[in-house]
PDB file of N, CA and C in Angstrom:
ATOM      1  N   MET A   1       0.848  -1.177   0.000  1.00  0.00           N
ATOM      2  CA  MET A   1       0.000   0.000   0.000  1.00  0.00           C
ATOM      3  C   MET A   1       0.895   1.242   0.000  1.00  0.00           C
ATOM      4  N   ALA A   2       0.527   2.213  -0.813  1.00  0.00           N
ATOM      5  CA  ALA A   2       1.305   3.445  -0.942  1.00  0.00           C
ATOM      6  C   ALA A   2       1.083   4.352   0.273  1.00  0.00           C
ATOM      7  N   THR A   3       2.105   5.086   0.615  1.00  0.00           N
ATOM      8  CA  THR A   3       1.984   6.050   1.705  1.00  0.00           C
ATOM      9  C   THR A   3       1.224   7.272   1.211  1.00  0.00           C
ATOM     10  N   LEU A   4       0.804   8.117   2.146  1.00  0.00           N
ATOM     11  CA  LEU A   4       0.090   9.335   1.774  1.00  0.00           C
ATOM     12  C   LEU A   4       0.958  10.212   0.873  1.00  0.00           C
ATOM     13  N   ALA A   5       2.237  10.316   1.194  1.00  0.00           N
ATOM     14  CA  ALA A   5       3.143  11.131   0.376  1.00  0.00           C
ATOM     15  C   ALA A   5       3.240  10.581  -1.048  1.00  0.00           C
ATOM     16  N   GLU A   6       3.320   9.268  -1.188  1.00  0.00           N
ATOM     17  CA  GLU A   6       3.383   8.653  -2.508  1.00  0.00           C
ATOM     18  C   GLU A   6       2.089   8.866  -3.288  1.00  0.00           C
ATOM     19  N   ARG A   7       0.957   8.698  -2.617  1.00  0.00           N
ATOM     20  CA  ARG A   7      -0.342   8.922  -3.264  1.00  0.00           C
ATOM     21  C   ARG A   7      -0.493  10.374  -3.678  1.00  0.00           C
ATOM     22  N   THR A   8      -0.026  11.289  -2.827  1.00  0.00           N
ATOM     23  CA  THR A   8      -0.122  12.714  -3.131  1.00  0.00           C
ATOM     24  C   THR A   8       0.645  13.030  -4.409  1.00  0.00           C
ATOM     25  N   GLU A   9       1.860  12.529  -4.526  1.00  0.00           N
ATOM     26  CA  GLU A   9       2.668  12.799  -5.715  1.00  0.00           C
ATOM     27  C   GLU A   9       2.047  12.175  -6.959  1.00  0.00           C
ATOM     28  N   THR A  10       1.495  10.978  -6.837  1.00  0.00           N
ATOM     29  CA  THR A  10       0.849  10.323  -7.971  1.00  0.00           C
ATOM     30  C   THR A  10      -0.353  11.130  -8.441  1.00  0.00           C
ATOM     31  N   LEU A  11      -1.174  11.569  -7.514  1.00  0.00           N
ATOM     32  CA  LEU A  11      -2.375  12.319  -7.864  1.00  0.00           C
ATOM     33  C   LEU A  11      -2.059  13.738  -8.319  1.00  0.00           C
ATOM     34  N   ARG A  12      -1.003  14.326  -7.790  1.00  0.00           N
ATOM     35  CA  ARG A  12      -0.650  15.705  -8.147  1.00  0.00           C
ATOM     36  C   ARG A  12      -0.360  15.835  -9.643  1.00  0.00           C
ATOM     37  N   THR A  13       0.186  14.789 -10.244  1.00  0.00           N
ATOM     38  CA  THR A  13       0.517  14.853 -11.672  1.00  0.00           C
ATOM     39  C   THR A  13      -0.728  14.999 -12.541  1.00  0.00           C
ATOM     40  N   VAL A  14      -1.885  14.607 -12.028  1.00  0.00           N
ATOM     41  CA  VAL A  14      -3.134  14.761 -12.788  1.00  0.00           C
ATOM     42  C   VAL A  14      -4.009  15.869 -12.218  1.00  0.00           C
ATOM     43  N   GLY A  15      -3.444  16.657 -11.308  1.00  0.00           N
ATOM     44  CA  GLY A  15      -4.174  17.805 -10.781  1.00  0.00           C
ATOM     45  C   GLY A  15      -5.107  17.495  -9.633  1.00  0.00           C
ATOM     46  N   LEU A  16      -4.906  16.381  -8.973  1.00  0.00           N
ATOM     47  CA  LEU A  16      -5.758  16.003  -7.842  1.00  0.00           C
ATOM     48  C   LEU A  16      -4.925  15.913  -6.565  1.00  0.00           C
ATOM     49  N   ALA A  17      -5.606  15.960  -5.439  1.00  0.00           N
ATOM     50  CA  ALA A  17      -4.944  15.765  -4.149  1.00  0.00           C
ATOM     51  C   ALA A  17      -5.824  14.850  -3.311  1.00  0.00           C
ATOM     52  N   PRO A  18      -5.223  13.926  -2.570  1.00  0.00           N
ATOM     53  CA  PRO A  18      -6.043  13.055  -1.732  1.00  0.00           C
ATOM     54  C   PRO A  18      -6.682  13.862  -0.603  1.00  0.00           C
ATOM     55  N   LEU A  19      -7.875  13.476  -0.242  1.00  0.00           N
ATOM     56  CA  LEU A  19      -8.559  14.131   0.863  1.00  0.00           C
ATOM     57  C   LEU A  19      -8.336  13.319   2.127  1.00  0.00           C
ATOM     58  N   LEU A  20      -8.004  14.015   3.205  1.00  0.00           N
ATOM     59  CA  LEU A  20      -7.727  13.361   4.477  1.00  0.00           C
ATOM     60  C   LEU A  20      -8.976  13.325   5.340  1.00  0.00           C
ATOM     61  N   THR A  21      -9.087  12.262   6.120  1.00  0.00           N
ATOM     62  CA  THR A  21     -10.142  12.192   7.119  1.00  0.00           C
ATOM     63  C   THR A  21      -9.699  13.014   8.332  1.00  0.00           C
ATOM     64  N   THR A  22     -10.604  13.193   9.275  1.00  0.00           N
ATOM     65  CA  THR A  22     -10.259  13.913  10.496  1.00  0.00           C
ATOM     66  C   THR A  22      -9.113  13.210  11.222  1.00  0.00           C
ATOM     67  N   VAL A  23      -9.170  11.898  11.301  1.00  0.00           N
ATOM     68  CA  VAL A  23      -8.126  11.131  11.992  1.00  0.00           C
ATOM     69  C   VAL A  23      -6.776  11.295  11.297  1.00  0.00           C
ATOM     70  N   GLN A  24      -6.762  11.293   9.976  1.00  0.00           N
ATOM     71  CA  GLN A  24      -5.514  11.473   9.241  1.00  0.00           C
ATOM     72  C   GLN A  24      -4.957  12.882   9.447  1.00  0.00           C
ATOM     73  N   LEU A  25      -5.848  13.884   9.491  1.00  0.00           N
ATOM     74  CA  LEU A  25      -5.406  15.253   9.738  1.00  0.00           C
ATOM     75  C   LEU A  25      -4.845  15.378  11.153  1.00  0.00           C
ATOM     76  N   GLN A  26      -5.483  14.733  12.115  1.00  0.00           N
ATOM     77  CA  GLN A  26      -4.975  14.719  13.490  1.00  0.00           C
ATOM     78  C   GLN A  26      -3.569  14.132  13.526  1.00  0.00           C
ATOM     79  N   ALA A  27      -3.378  13.015  12.844  1.00  0.00           N
ATOM     80  CA  ALA A  27      -2.073  12.355  12.841  1.00  0.00           C
ATOM     81  C   ALA A  27      -1.031  13.220  12.137  1.00  0.00           C
ATOM     82  N   ARG A  28      -1.411  13.862  11.057  1.00  0.00           N
ATOM     83  CA  ARG A  28      -0.470  14.701  10.291  1.00  0.00           C
ATOM     84  C   ARG A  28       0.070  15.846  11.136  1.00  0.00           C
ATOM     85  N   TYR A  29      -0.817  16.477  11.919  1.00  0.00           N
ATOM     86  CA  TYR A  29      -0.403  17.628  12.719  1.00  0.00           C
ATOM     87  C   TYR A  29      -0.193  17.310  14.195  1.00  0.00           C
ATOM     88  N   GLY A  30      -0.444  16.086  14.611  1.00  0.00           N
ATOM     89  CA  GLY A  30      -0.225  15.695  16.002  1.00  0.00           C
ATOM     90  C   GLY A  30      -1.146  16.413  16.970  1.00  0.00           C
ATOM     91  N   VAL A  31      -2.417  16.544  16.588  1.00  0.00           N
ATOM     92  CA  VAL A  31      -3.387  17.256  17.418  1.00  0.00           C
ATOM     93  C   VAL A  31      -4.567  16.340  17.736  1.00  0.00           C
ATOM     94  N   SER A  32      -5.430  16.815  18.618  1.00  0.00           N
ATOM     95  CA  SER A  32      -6.595  16.035  19.021  1.00  0.00           C
ATOM     96  C   SER A  32      -7.804  16.340  18.140  1.00  0.00           C
ATOM     97  N   ASN A  33      -8.838  15.527  18.298  1.00  0.00           N
ATOM     98  CA  ASN A  33     -10.090  15.752  17.592  1.00  0.00           C
ATOM     99  C   ASN A  33     -10.677  17.105  17.987  1.00  0.00           C
ATOM    100  N   TRP A  34     -10.572  17.465  19.243  1.00  0.00           N
ATOM    101  CA  TRP A  34     -11.066  18.763  19.716  1.00  0.00           C
ATOM    102  C   TRP A  34     -10.398  19.902  18.957  1.00  0.00           C
ATOM    103  N   THR A  35      -9.087  19.793  18.764  1.00  0.00           N
ATOM    104  CA  THR A  35      -8.349  20.834  18.046  1.00  0.00           C
ATOM    105  C   THR A  35      -8.837  20.959  16.609  1.00  0.00           C
ATOM    106  N   VAL A  36      -9.014  19.835  15.925  1.00  0.00           N
ATOM    107  CA  VAL A  36      -9.513  19.880  14.543  1.00  0.00           C
ATOM    108  C   VAL A  36     -10.899  20.522  14.517  1.00  0.00           C
ATOM    109  N   ASN A  37     -11.751  20.168  15.461  1.00  0.00           N
ATOM    110  CA  ASN A  37     -13.084  20.783  15.524  1.00  0.00           C
ATOM    111  C   ASN A  37     -12.986  22.296  15.719  1.00  0.00           C
ATOM    112  N   GLU A  38     -12.055  22.737  16.540  1.00  0.00           N
ATOM    113  CA  GLU A  38     -11.854  24.173  16.756  1.00  0.00           C
ATOM    114  C   GLU A  38     -11.348  24.842  15.480  1.00  0.00           C
ATOM    115  N   TRP A  39     -10.446  24.163  14.777  1.00  0.00           N
ATOM    116  CA  TRP A  39      -9.957  24.706  13.514  1.00  0.00           C
ATOM    117  C   TRP A  39     -11.104  24.914  12.538  1.00  0.00           C
ATOM    118  N   VAL A  40     -11.988  23.914  12.451  1.00  0.00           N
ATOM    119  CA  VAL A  40     -13.131  24.011  11.534  1.00  0.00           C
ATOM    120  C   VAL A  40     -14.015  25.191  11.928  1.00  0.00           C
ATOM    121  N   LYS A  41     -14.256  25.350  13.222  1.00  0.00           N
ATOM    122  CA  LYS A  41     -15.047  26.497  13.693  1.00  0.00           C
ATOM    123  C   LYS A  41     -14.379  27.819  13.321  1.00  0.00           C
ATOM    124  N   ASP A  42     -13.046  27.829  13.311  1.00  0.00           N
ATOM    125  CA  ASP A  42     -12.288  29.042  13.016  1.00  0.00           C
ATOM    126  C   ASP A  42     -12.090  29.273  11.519  1.00  0.00           C
ATOM    127  N   GLY A  43     -12.593  28.359  10.676  1.00  0.00           N
ATOM    128  CA  GLY A  43     -12.529  28.572   9.238  1.00  0.00           C
ATOM    129  C   GLY A  43     -11.655  27.629   8.446  1.00  0.00           C
ATOM    130  N   CYS A  44     -11.139  26.588   9.072  1.00  0.00           N
ATOM    131  CA  CYS A  44     -10.332  25.612   8.340  1.00  0.00           C
ATOM    132  C   CYS A  44     -11.170  25.035   7.194  1.00  0.00           C
ATOM    133  N   PRO A  45     -10.613  25.002   5.975  1.00  0.00           N
ATOM    134  CA  PRO A  45     -11.396  24.529   4.828  1.00  0.00           C
ATOM    135  C   PRO A  45     -11.733  23.040   4.921  1.00  0.00           C
ATOM    136  N   VAL A  46     -12.991  22.741   4.690  1.00  0.00           N
ATOM    137  CA  VAL A  46     -13.499  21.367   4.693  1.00  0.00           C
ATOM    138  C   VAL A  46     -14.077  21.095   3.314  1.00  0.00           C
ATOM    139  N   GLU A  47     -13.748  19.958   2.752  1.00  0.00           N
ATOM    140  CA  GLU A  47     -14.245  19.601   1.428  1.00  0.00           C
ATOM    141  C   GLU A  47     -15.622  18.944   1.533  1.00  0.00           C
ATOM    142  N   PRO A  48     -16.539  19.329   0.659  1.00  0.00           N
ATOM    143  CA  PRO A  48     -17.866  18.710   0.674  1.00  0.00           C
ATOM    144  C   PRO A  48     -17.783  17.245   0.244  1.00  0.00           C
ATOM    145  N   THR A  49     -18.576  16.419   0.866  1.00  0.00           N
ATOM    146  CA  THR A  49     -18.639  14.998   0.506  1.00  0.00           C
ATOM    147  C   THR A  49     -20.099  14.588   0.380  1.00  0.00           C
ATOM    148  N   ARG A  50     -20.310  13.458  -0.233  1.00  0.00           N
ATOM    149  CA  ARG A  50     -21.669  12.934  -0.369  1.00  0.00           C
ATOM    150  C   ARG A  50     -21.984  11.955   0.753  1.00  0.00           C
ATOM    151  N   PHE A  51     -21.091  11.813   1.677  1.00  0.00           N
ATOM    152  CA  PHE A  51     -21.265  10.867   2.759  1.00  0.00           C
ATOM    153  C   PHE A  51     -20.963  11.547   4.081  1.00  0.00           C
ATOM    154  N   ARG A  52     -21.204  10.842   5.146  1.00  0.00           N
ATOM    155  CA  ARG A  52     -20.976  11.389   6.476  1.00  0.00           C
ATOM    156  C   ARG A  52     -19.487  11.520   6.752  1.00  0.00           C
ATOM    157  N   GLY A  53     -19.133  12.518   7.482  1.00  0.00           N
ATOM    158  CA  GLY A  53     -17.731  12.727   7.819  1.00  0.00           C
ATOM    159  C   GLY A  53     -17.147  13.888   7.048  1.00  0.00           C
ATOM    160  N   ARG A  54     -16.023  14.359   7.521  1.00  0.00           N
ATOM    161  CA  ARG A  54     -15.341  15.481   6.885  1.00  0.00           C
ATOM    162  C   ARG A  54     -14.120  15.001   6.138  1.00  0.00           C
ATOM    163  N   ARG A  55     -13.773  15.725   5.113  1.00  0.00           N
ATOM    164  CA  ARG A  55     -12.538  15.460   4.388  1.00  0.00           C
ATOM    165  C   ARG A  55     -11.801  16.778   4.233  1.00  0.00           C
ATOM    166  N   PHE A  56     -10.485  16.702   4.260  1.00  0.00           N
ATOM    167  CA  PHE A  56      -9.644  17.885   4.217  1.00  0.00           C
ATOM    168  C   PHE A  56      -8.614  17.757   3.103  1.00  0.00           C
ATOM    169  N   ASP A  57      -8.474  18.807   2.306  1.00  0.00           N
ATOM    170  CA  ASP A  57      -7.426  18.881   1.294  1.00  0.00           C
ATOM    171  C   ASP A  57      -6.198  19.438   2.006  1.00  0.00           C
ATOM    172  N   LEU A  58      -5.147  18.660   2.088  1.00  0.00           N
ATOM    173  CA  LEU A  58      -3.963  19.037   2.851  1.00  0.00           C
ATOM    174  C   LEU A  58      -3.351  20.353   2.364  1.00  0.00           C
ATOM    175  N   ASP A  59      -3.347  20.581   1.061  1.00  0.00           N
ATOM    176  CA  ASP A  59      -2.797  21.833   0.528  1.00  0.00           C
ATOM    177  C   ASP A  59      -3.612  23.036   0.999  1.00  0.00           C
ATOM    178  N   LYS A  60      -4.933  22.910   0.987  1.00  0.00           N
ATOM    179  CA  LYS A  60      -5.795  24.012   1.422  1.00  0.00           C
ATOM    180  C   LYS A  60      -5.662  24.253   2.925  1.00  0.00           C
ATOM    181  N   VAL A  61      -5.547  23.181   3.690  1.00  0.00           N
ATOM    182  CA  VAL A  61      -5.377  23.317   5.138  1.00  0.00           C
ATOM    183  C   VAL A  61      -4.047  24.005   5.440  1.00  0.00           C
ATOM    184  N   ALA A  62      -2.988  23.585   4.747  1.00  0.00           N
ATOM    185  CA  ALA A  62      -1.667  24.198   4.966  1.00  0.00           C
ATOM    186  C   ALA A  62      -1.689  25.684   4.613  1.00  0.00           C
ATOM    187  N   ALA A  63      -2.372  26.041   3.529  1.00  0.00           N
ATOM    188  CA  ALA A  63      -2.473  27.452   3.141  1.00  0.00           C
ATOM    189  C   ALA A  63      -3.271  28.238   4.180  1.00  0.00           C
ATOM    190  N   TRP A  64      -4.338  27.645   4.690  1.00  0.00           N
ATOM    191  CA  TRP A  64      -5.148  28.299   5.716  1.00  0.00           C
ATOM    192  C   TRP A  64      -4.320  28.509   6.980  1.00  0.00           C
ATOM    193  N   MET A  65      -3.554  27.486   7.357  1.00  0.00           N
ATOM    194  CA  MET A  65      -2.734  27.591   8.565  1.00  0.00           C
ATOM    195  C   MET A  65      -1.655  28.663   8.398  1.00  0.00           C
ATOM    196  N   ALA A  66      -1.072  28.765   7.215  1.00  0.00           N
ATOM    197  CA  ALA A  66      -0.032  29.773   6.970  1.00  0.00           C
ATOM    198  C   ALA A  66      -0.602  31.182   7.071  1.00  0.00           C
ATOM    199  N   ALA A  67      -1.892  31.334   6.745  1.00  0.00           N
ATOM    200  CA  ALA A  67      -2.542  32.657   6.805  1.00  0.00           C
ATOM    201  C   ALA A  67      -3.004  33.007   8.220  1.00  0.00           C
ATOM    202  N   GLU A  68      -2.976  32.027   9.116  1.00  0.00           N
ATOM    203  CA  GLU A  68      -3.395  32.234  10.499  1.00  0.00           C
ATOM    204  C   GLU A  68      -2.142  32.319  11.380  1.00  0.00           C
ATOM    205  N   PRO A  69      -1.727  33.517  11.795  1.00  0.00           N
ATOM    206  CA  PRO A  69      -0.468  33.671  12.532  1.00  0.00           C
ATOM    207  C   PRO A  69      -0.367  32.805  13.783  1.00  0.00           C
ATOM    208  N   GLN A  70      -1.434  32.645  14.529  1.00  0.00           N
ATOM    209  CA  GLN A  70      -1.364  31.861  15.760  1.00  0.00           C
ATOM    210  C   GLN A  70      -1.217  30.367  15.472  1.00  0.00           C
ATOM    211  N   LEU A  71      -1.599  29.907  14.272  1.00  0.00           N
ATOM    212  CA  LEU A  71      -1.465  28.501  13.919  1.00  0.00           C
ATOM    213  C   LEU A  71      -0.137  28.209  13.235  1.00  0.00           C
ATOM    214  N   ALA A  72       0.381  29.160  12.500  1.00  0.00           N
ATOM    215  CA  ALA A  72       1.627  28.956  11.759  1.00  0.00           C
ATOM    216  C   ALA A  72       2.786  28.592  12.687  1.00  0.00           C
ATOM    217  N   ALA A  73       2.773  29.129  13.891  1.00  0.00           N
ATOM    218  CA  ALA A  73       3.851  28.854  14.833  1.00  0.00           C
ATOM    219  C   ALA A  73       3.782  27.445  15.396  1.00  0.00           C
ATOM    220  N   THR A  74       2.574  26.828  15.397  1.00  0.00           N
ATOM    221  CA  THR A  74       2.425  25.499  15.994  1.00  0.00           C
ATOM    222  C   THR A  74       2.490  24.382  14.965  1.00  0.00           C
ATOM    223  N   ALA A  75       2.336  24.679  13.699  1.00  0.00           N
ATOM    224  CA  ALA A  75       2.282  23.624  12.675  1.00  0.00           C
ATOM    225  C   ALA A  75       3.658  23.216  12.203  1.00  0.00           C
TER     226      ALA A  75
END
């Protein structure tokens, strides 16, 4: 099975990015579910899905975090 980094590079060549679940985003940034929920309340971009649960585009989340001074220092 390919790692997230490998999948990201494969999909990037066709203009796509894998969407992360809340748990994957927590693992990527080393934060809790509460923190992710707070980020969403504060404007963290969430991708629409046709099913239950949230998905996050890592590039959009990273850009959002870079624009948020209090988050840029912790990421």
